[in-house]
Amino acid sequence: MTDKRYTLKDKTQGEERHFADRHEDRAKKNVEFLESEGHEVELIDNRESDTPAPSGAAAAHETPDVVEATESDAPVDPDVLAQDPIEWLESQNTDFVNTIKGTPAISKQGFRFIQQRFGIRTESDVVETFSDPRGVIVWARAERPDGQYAEAHGEGYISESDVDDNEFVRYADTRAKNRAISDLTSAGALAVSELGEQ
C-alpha cells in the first residue's frame, strides 16, 4: 500500500503511478490520456480502497501530463527554463536530455515533462501528405492555461532511417508538438527528434 492518495493502474502496460492528494487533477488527466490511447486503466482512491476515483472524459477536460507526478512538482517560472533549458531539465532527470553527435538535446520525455509542469495542452493534425517521397506535414498547437499559445509544423518521411510502416507520421507529430512547446516556453534547445533520433 502506498502513502499517496491515488494509484493509477495501467493494465495495458502493467504499470502503476502514484499521486499525492494535491495531484488529483494530474492523475485524472493521465487517465483521460491513457484511455484516449486505448489503454485499460483504473484510478484508485487509496483512502477508499474499493472505490475507483472518477476517470475518463468525465474526470478531466485537458490534454494529459504523461510524466509521473512527484512531491517536488511545483510551478515553474518560465524565465528559469528559458535561461538554460538543458541544465534545468538535467537537474530534474537526466533522461530528459540526450547527447546526439556531441550536441545536448531535449528528449521526447523531457518535452512531455515541460508540458506537464506548465499545464500545456496540445493538439495536432496532418495538414499535408506527399507521395514522392512519401511523407507528411503535421501542424501542432501548444497552449498554456493562461491562453498563451504557439503553433508549429513538423515533417516526417518514410525514407528516414529506422522507420517502420507509417511511423513517420508519429515522428512528424512529435516534432511539431516539441517545436510548439519549445516556442511557447522559450526552451530554445534542440529536440532529439531534430537530430534524427526519436
C-alpha atoms as a PDB file:
ATOM      1  CA  MET A   1       0.000   0.000   0.000  1.00  0.00           C
ATOM      2  CA  THR A   2       1.288   3.444  -0.899  1.00  0.00           C
ATOM      3  CA  ASP A   3       1.133   6.607   1.202  1.00  0.00           C
ATOM      4  CA  LYS A   4      -0.023   8.501  -1.913  1.00  0.00           C
ATOM      5  CA  ARG A   5      -3.731   9.287  -2.266  1.00  0.00           C
ATOM      6  CA  TYR A   6      -4.253   7.901  -5.784  1.00  0.00           C
ATOM      7  CA  THR A   7      -2.924   4.898  -7.665  1.00  0.00           C
ATOM      8  CA  LEU A   8      -3.285   4.830 -11.443  1.00  0.00           C
ATOM      9  CA  LYS A   9      -3.145   1.279 -12.762  1.00  0.00           C
ATOM     10  CA  ASP A  10      -2.365   0.966 -16.457  1.00  0.00           C
ATOM     11  CA  LYS A  11      -3.499  -2.592 -17.077  1.00  0.00           C
ATOM     12  CA  THR A  12      -2.390  -2.446 -20.723  1.00  0.00           C
ATOM     13  CA  GLN A  13       1.244  -1.652 -19.839  1.00  0.00           C
ATOM     14  CA  GLY A  14       1.243  -3.385 -16.457  1.00  0.00           C
ATOM     15  CA  GLU A  15       2.401  -0.179 -14.743  1.00  0.00           C
ATOM     16  CA  GLU A  16       1.316   1.826 -11.713  1.00  0.00           C
ATOM     17  CA  ARG A  17       1.746   5.518 -10.963  1.00  0.00           C
ATOM     18  CA  HIS A  18       1.093   7.149  -7.617  1.00  0.00           C
ATOM     19  CA  PHE A  19      -0.191  10.667  -6.997  1.00  0.00           C
ATOM     20  CA  ALA A  20      -0.410  12.768  -3.856  1.00  0.00           C
ATOM     21  CA  ASP A  21      -3.767  14.188  -2.800  1.00  0.00           C
ATOM     22  CA  ARG A  22      -2.886  17.588  -4.252  1.00  0.00           C
ATOM     23  CA  HIS A  23      -2.221  15.988  -7.675  1.00  0.00           C
ATOM     24  CA  GLU A  24      -5.743  14.608  -8.193  1.00  0.00           C
ATOM     25  CA  ASP A  25      -6.181  16.659 -11.392  1.00  0.00           C
ATOM     26  CA  ARG A  26      -2.922  15.308 -12.813  1.00  0.00           C
ATOM     27  CA  ALA A  27      -3.988  11.762 -12.040  1.00  0.00           C
ATOM     28  CA  LYS A  28      -7.301  12.291 -13.812  1.00  0.00           C
ATOM     29  CA  LYS A  29      -5.588  13.868 -16.812  1.00  0.00           C
ATOM     30  CA  ASN A  30      -3.309  10.836 -17.048  1.00  0.00           C
ATOM     31  CA  VAL A  31      -6.367   8.585 -17.019  1.00  0.00           C
ATOM     32  CA  GLU A  32      -8.046  10.557 -19.791  1.00  0.00           C
ATOM     33  CA  PHE A  33      -4.936  10.477 -21.951  1.00  0.00           C
ATOM     34  CA  LEU A  34      -4.234   6.785 -21.473  1.00  0.00           C
ATOM     35  CA  GLU A  35      -7.865   5.913 -22.229  1.00  0.00           C
ATOM     36  CA  SER A  36      -7.717   8.028 -25.396  1.00  0.00           C
ATOM     37  CA  GLU A  37      -4.675   5.957 -26.404  1.00  0.00           C
ATOM     38  CA  GLY A  38      -6.675   2.749 -25.941  1.00  0.00           C
ATOM     39  CA  HIS A  39      -5.224   1.721 -22.579  1.00  0.00           C
ATOM     40  CA  GLU A  40      -7.304  -0.045 -19.956  1.00  0.00           C
ATOM     41  CA  VAL A  41      -6.769   1.991 -16.795  1.00  0.00           C
ATOM     42  CA  GLU A  42      -8.171   2.353 -13.308  1.00  0.00           C
ATOM     43  CA  LEU A  43      -7.710   5.244 -10.882  1.00  0.00           C
ATOM     44  CA  ILE A  44      -7.940   4.075  -7.283  1.00  0.00           C
ATOM     45  CA  ASP A  45      -8.566   6.405  -4.370  1.00  0.00           C
ATOM     46  CA  ASN A  46      -6.379   4.745  -1.724  1.00  0.00           C
ATOM     47  CA  ARG A  47      -8.463   6.283   1.064  1.00  0.00           C
ATOM     48  CA  GLU A  48     -11.445   4.354  -0.244  1.00  0.00           C
ATOM     49  CA  SER A  49      -9.645   1.150  -1.140  1.00  0.00           C
ATOM     50  CA  ASP A  50     -12.531  -0.464  -3.038  1.00  0.00           C
ATOM     51  CA  THR A  51     -13.767   2.634  -4.852  1.00  0.00           C
ATOM     52  CA  PRO A  52     -12.061   3.833  -8.041  1.00  0.00           C
ATOM     53  CA  ALA A  53     -11.873   7.595  -8.417  1.00  0.00           C
ATOM     54  CA  PRO A  54     -13.678   9.143 -11.407  1.00  0.00           C
ATOM     55  CA  SER A  55     -11.891   8.513 -14.679  1.00  0.00           C
ATOM     56  CA  GLY A  56     -12.079   9.287 -18.365  1.00  0.00           C
ATOM     57  CA  ALA A  57     -13.667  12.269 -20.029  1.00  0.00           C
ATOM     58  CA  ALA A  58     -15.964  12.904 -17.061  1.00  0.00           C
ATOM     59  CA  ALA A  59     -12.951  13.374 -14.807  1.00  0.00           C
ATOM     60  CA  ALA A  60     -10.819  15.742 -16.871  1.00  0.00           C
ATOM     61  CA  HIS A  61     -11.023  18.028 -19.872  1.00  0.00           C
ATOM     62  CA  GLU A  62      -7.443  18.847 -20.830  1.00  0.00           C
ATOM     63  CA  THR A  63      -4.559  17.177 -22.582  1.00  0.00           C
ATOM     64  CA  PRO A  64      -2.672  14.984 -20.150  1.00  0.00           C
ATOM     65  CA  ASP A  65       0.573  15.069 -18.392  1.00  0.00           C
ATOM     66  CA  VAL A  66       2.305  11.796 -19.091  1.00  0.00           C
ATOM     67  CA  VAL A  67       5.231  12.045 -16.712  1.00  0.00           C
ATOM     68  CA  GLU A  68       4.766  10.702 -13.201  1.00  0.00           C
ATOM     69  CA  ALA A  69       3.982  13.399 -10.672  1.00  0.00           C
ATOM     70  CA  THR A  70       6.282  13.757  -7.683  1.00  0.00           C
ATOM     71  CA  GLU A  71       6.161  15.606  -4.400  1.00  0.00           C
ATOM     72  CA  SER A  72       8.675  18.116  -5.782  1.00  0.00           C
ATOM     73  CA  ASP A  73       6.333  19.173  -8.606  1.00  0.00           C
ATOM     74  CA  ALA A  74       5.888  22.892  -8.240  1.00  0.00           C
ATOM     75  CA  PRO A  75       5.054  25.664 -10.659  1.00  0.00           C
ATOM     76  CA  VAL A  76       7.982  26.553 -12.881  1.00  0.00           C
ATOM     77  CA  ASP A  77       8.984  30.113 -13.570  1.00  0.00           C
ATOM     78  CA  PRO A  78       9.221  30.310 -17.384  1.00  0.00           C
ATOM     79  CA  ASP A  79      12.301  32.510 -17.044  1.00  0.00           C
ATOM     80  CA  VAL A  80      14.169  29.718 -15.233  1.00  0.00           C
ATOM     81  CA  LEU A  81      13.507  27.317 -18.099  1.00  0.00           C
ATOM     82  CA  ALA A  82      14.361  29.930 -20.733  1.00  0.00           C
ATOM     83  CA  GLN A  83      17.754  30.717 -19.155  1.00  0.00           C
ATOM     84  CA  ASP A  84      19.167  27.234 -19.671  1.00  0.00           C
ATOM     85  CA  PRO A  85      16.623  24.539 -20.542  1.00  0.00           C
ATOM     86  CA  ILE A  86      19.236  21.773 -20.828  1.00  0.00           C
ATOM     87  CA  GLU A  87      20.691  22.419 -17.374  1.00  0.00           C
ATOM     88  CA  TRP A  88      17.255  22.790 -15.775  1.00  0.00           C
ATOM     89  CA  LEU A  89      15.935  19.558 -17.325  1.00  0.00           C
ATOM     90  CA  GLU A  90      19.059  17.596 -16.389  1.00  0.00           C
ATOM     91  CA  SER A  91      18.621  18.809 -12.812  1.00  0.00           C
ATOM     92  CA  GLN A  92      15.122  17.289 -12.852  1.00  0.00           C
ATOM     93  CA  ASN A  93      16.003  13.967 -14.510  1.00  0.00           C
ATOM     94  CA  THR A  94      18.997  13.023 -16.667  1.00  0.00           C
ATOM     95  CA  ASP A  95      16.686  11.071 -19.016  1.00  0.00           C
ATOM     96  CA  PHE A  96      15.197  14.388 -20.156  1.00  0.00           C
ATOM     97  CA  VAL A  97      18.351  15.263 -22.123  1.00  0.00           C
ATOM     98  CA  ASN A  98      20.275  13.115 -24.628  1.00  0.00           C
ATOM     99  CA  THR A  99      23.542  13.910 -26.342  1.00  0.00           C
ATOM    100  CA  ILE A 100      23.440  13.174 -30.062  1.00  0.00           C
ATOM    101  CA  LYS A 101      26.639  13.628 -32.071  1.00  0.00           C
ATOM    102  CA  GLY A 102      28.033  15.790 -29.270  1.00  0.00           C
ATOM    103  CA  THR A 103      25.005  18.092 -29.064  1.00  0.00           C
ATOM    104  CA  PRO A 104      22.725  18.051 -25.992  1.00  0.00           C
ATOM    105  CA  ALA A 105      19.067  17.802 -26.977  1.00  0.00           C
ATOM    106  CA  ILE A 106      15.757  17.572 -25.121  1.00  0.00           C
ATOM    107  CA  SER A 107      14.215  14.097 -25.298  1.00  0.00           C
ATOM    108  CA  LYS A 108      10.534  13.455 -26.000  1.00  0.00           C
ATOM    109  CA  GLN A 109      10.176  12.577 -22.307  1.00  0.00           C
ATOM    110  CA  GLY A 110      11.758  15.947 -21.456  1.00  0.00           C
ATOM    111  CA  PHE A 111       9.263  17.827 -23.611  1.00  0.00           C
ATOM    112  CA  ARG A 112       6.362  15.936 -22.038  1.00  0.00           C
ATOM    113  CA  PHE A 113       7.761  16.846 -18.606  1.00  0.00           C
ATOM    114  CA  ILE A 114       7.805  20.518 -19.633  1.00  0.00           C
ATOM    115  CA  GLN A 115       4.255  20.078 -20.920  1.00  0.00           C
ATOM    116  CA  GLN A 116       3.163  18.675 -17.559  1.00  0.00           C
ATOM    117  CA  ARG A 117       4.907  21.279 -15.430  1.00  0.00           C
ATOM    118  CA  PHE A 118       3.429  24.191 -17.422  1.00  0.00           C
ATOM    119  CA  GLY A 119      -0.036  22.592 -17.764  1.00  0.00           C
ATOM    120  CA  ILE A 120       0.255  22.806 -21.542  1.00  0.00           C
ATOM    121  CA  ARG A 121      -2.452  21.338 -23.763  1.00  0.00           C
ATOM    122  CA  THR A 122      -1.522  20.204 -27.252  1.00  0.00           C
ATOM    123  CA  GLU A 123      -3.437  19.356 -30.379  1.00  0.00           C
ATOM    124  CA  SER A 124      -2.182  18.288 -33.778  1.00  0.00           C
ATOM    125  CA  ASP A 125      -3.375  17.383 -37.258  1.00  0.00           C
ATOM    126  CA  VAL A 126      -1.856  16.127 -40.503  1.00  0.00           C
ATOM    127  CA  VAL A 127      -2.105  19.096 -42.888  1.00  0.00           C
ATOM    128  CA  GLU A 128      -0.311  17.785 -45.950  1.00  0.00           C
ATOM    129  CA  THR A 129       0.756  14.460 -47.397  1.00  0.00           C
ATOM    130  CA  PHE A 130       3.336  13.644 -50.047  1.00  0.00           C
ATOM    131  CA  SER A 131       3.654  10.600 -52.245  1.00  0.00           C
ATOM    132  CA  ASP A 132       7.182  11.154 -53.565  1.00  0.00           C
ATOM    133  CA  PRO A 133       8.918  10.963 -51.221  1.00  0.00           C
ATOM    134  CA  ARG A 134       6.178   9.528 -49.015  1.00  0.00           C
ATOM    135  CA  GLY A 135       5.726  11.852 -46.055  1.00  0.00           C
ATOM    136  CA  VAL A 136       3.536  14.222 -44.074  1.00  0.00           C
ATOM    137  CA  ILE A 137       3.482  17.650 -42.530  1.00  0.00           C
ATOM    138  CA  VAL A 138       1.784  17.890 -39.131  1.00  0.00           C
ATOM    139  CA  TRP A 139       0.521  21.107 -37.550  1.00  0.00           C
ATOM    140  CA  ALA A 140       0.533  21.363 -33.755  1.00  0.00           C
ATOM    141  CA  ARG A 141      -0.664  23.923 -31.247  1.00  0.00           C
ATOM    142  CA  ALA A 142       0.524  24.147 -27.647  1.00  0.00           C
ATOM    143  CA  GLU A 143      -1.484  26.283 -25.216  1.00  0.00           C
ATOM    144  CA  ARG A 144      -0.862  27.302 -21.619  1.00  0.00           C
ATOM    145  CA  PRO A 145      -3.708  27.622 -19.106  1.00  0.00           C
ATOM    146  CA  ASP A 146      -3.488  31.433 -19.374  1.00  0.00           C
ATOM    147  CA  GLY A 147      -4.361  31.265 -23.095  1.00  0.00           C
ATOM    148  CA  GLN A 148      -0.878  31.913 -24.479  1.00  0.00           C
ATOM    149  CA  TYR A 149      -0.158  29.584 -27.367  1.00  0.00           C
ATOM    150  CA  ALA A 150       2.324  28.699 -30.078  1.00  0.00           C
ATOM    151  CA  GLU A 151       1.895  26.780 -33.306  1.00  0.00           C
ATOM    152  CA  ALA A 152       4.446  24.831 -35.295  1.00  0.00           C
ATOM    153  CA  HIS A 153       4.830  22.259 -38.052  1.00  0.00           C
ATOM    154  CA  GLY A 154       6.820  19.059 -38.247  1.00  0.00           C
ATOM    155  CA  GLU A 155       7.717  16.827 -41.187  1.00  0.00           C
ATOM    156  CA  GLY A 156       8.252  13.105 -41.372  1.00  0.00           C
ATOM    157  CA  TYR A 157       9.229  10.848 -44.280  1.00  0.00           C
ATOM    158  CA  ILE A 158       9.227   7.109 -44.889  1.00  0.00           C
ATOM    159  CA  SER A 159      12.823   7.436 -46.093  1.00  0.00           C
ATOM    160  CA  GLU A 160      14.066   8.358 -42.601  1.00  0.00           C
ATOM    161  CA  SER A 161      16.318   5.728 -41.095  1.00  0.00           C
ATOM    162  CA  ASP A 162      14.719   3.030 -38.965  1.00  0.00           C
ATOM    163  CA  VAL A 163      11.152   3.999 -39.916  1.00  0.00           C
ATOM    164  CA  ASP A 164       8.640   1.173 -39.931  1.00  0.00           C
ATOM    165  CA  ASP A 165       5.451   1.433 -41.959  1.00  0.00           C
ATOM    166  CA  ASN A 166       3.644   4.711 -41.135  1.00  0.00           C
ATOM    167  CA  GLU A 167       5.788   5.529 -38.102  1.00  0.00           C
ATOM    168  CA  PHE A 168       6.989   8.659 -39.914  1.00  0.00           C
ATOM    169  CA  VAL A 169       3.597  10.238 -39.112  1.00  0.00           C
ATOM    170  CA  ARG A 170       4.358   9.861 -35.390  1.00  0.00           C
ATOM    171  CA  TYR A 171       7.786  11.409 -35.972  1.00  0.00           C
ATOM    172  CA  ALA A 172       6.188  14.431 -37.662  1.00  0.00           C
ATOM    173  CA  ASP A 173       3.642  14.730 -34.844  1.00  0.00           C
ATOM    174  CA  THR A 174       6.350  14.607 -32.164  1.00  0.00           C
ATOM    175  CA  ARG A 175       8.456  17.202 -33.974  1.00  0.00           C
ATOM    176  CA  ALA A 176       5.522  19.578 -34.396  1.00  0.00           C
ATOM    177  CA  LYS A 177       4.452  19.309 -30.741  1.00  0.00           C
ATOM    178  CA  ASN A 178       8.017  19.680 -29.461  1.00  0.00           C
ATOM    179  CA  ARG A 179       8.562  22.778 -31.588  1.00  0.00           C
ATOM    180  CA  ALA A 180       5.310  24.344 -30.390  1.00  0.00           C
ATOM    181  CA  ILE A 181       6.128  23.585 -26.738  1.00  0.00           C
ATOM    182  CA  SER A 182       9.661  24.930 -27.223  1.00  0.00           C
ATOM    183  CA  ASP A 183       8.366  28.154 -28.761  1.00  0.00           C
ATOM    184  CA  LEU A 184       5.712  28.590 -26.087  1.00  0.00           C
ATOM    185  CA  THR A 185       8.089  28.088 -23.159  1.00  0.00           C
ATOM    186  CA  SER A 186      11.187  29.681 -24.679  1.00  0.00           C
ATOM    187  CA  ALA A 187      13.012  26.371 -24.223  1.00  0.00           C
ATOM    188  CA  GLY A 188      15.058  27.091 -27.308  1.00  0.00           C
ATOM    189  CA  ALA A 189      17.164  23.944 -27.177  1.00  0.00           C
ATOM    190  CA  LEU A 190      17.158  21.306 -29.887  1.00  0.00           C
ATOM    191  CA  ALA A 191      14.852  18.344 -29.603  1.00  0.00           C
ATOM    192  CA  VAL A 192      16.278  14.854 -30.024  1.00  0.00           C
ATOM    193  CA  SER A 193      13.857  14.435 -32.956  1.00  0.00           C
ATOM    194  CA  GLU A 194      15.537  17.386 -34.719  1.00  0.00           C
ATOM    195  CA  LEU A 195      18.799  15.449 -34.698  1.00  0.00           C
ATOM    196  CA  GLY A 196      17.323  12.357 -36.333  1.00  0.00           C
ATOM    197  CA  GLU A 197      16.771  10.316 -33.173  1.00  0.00           C
ATOM    198  CA  GLN A 198      13.387   9.577 -31.603  1.00  0.00           C
END
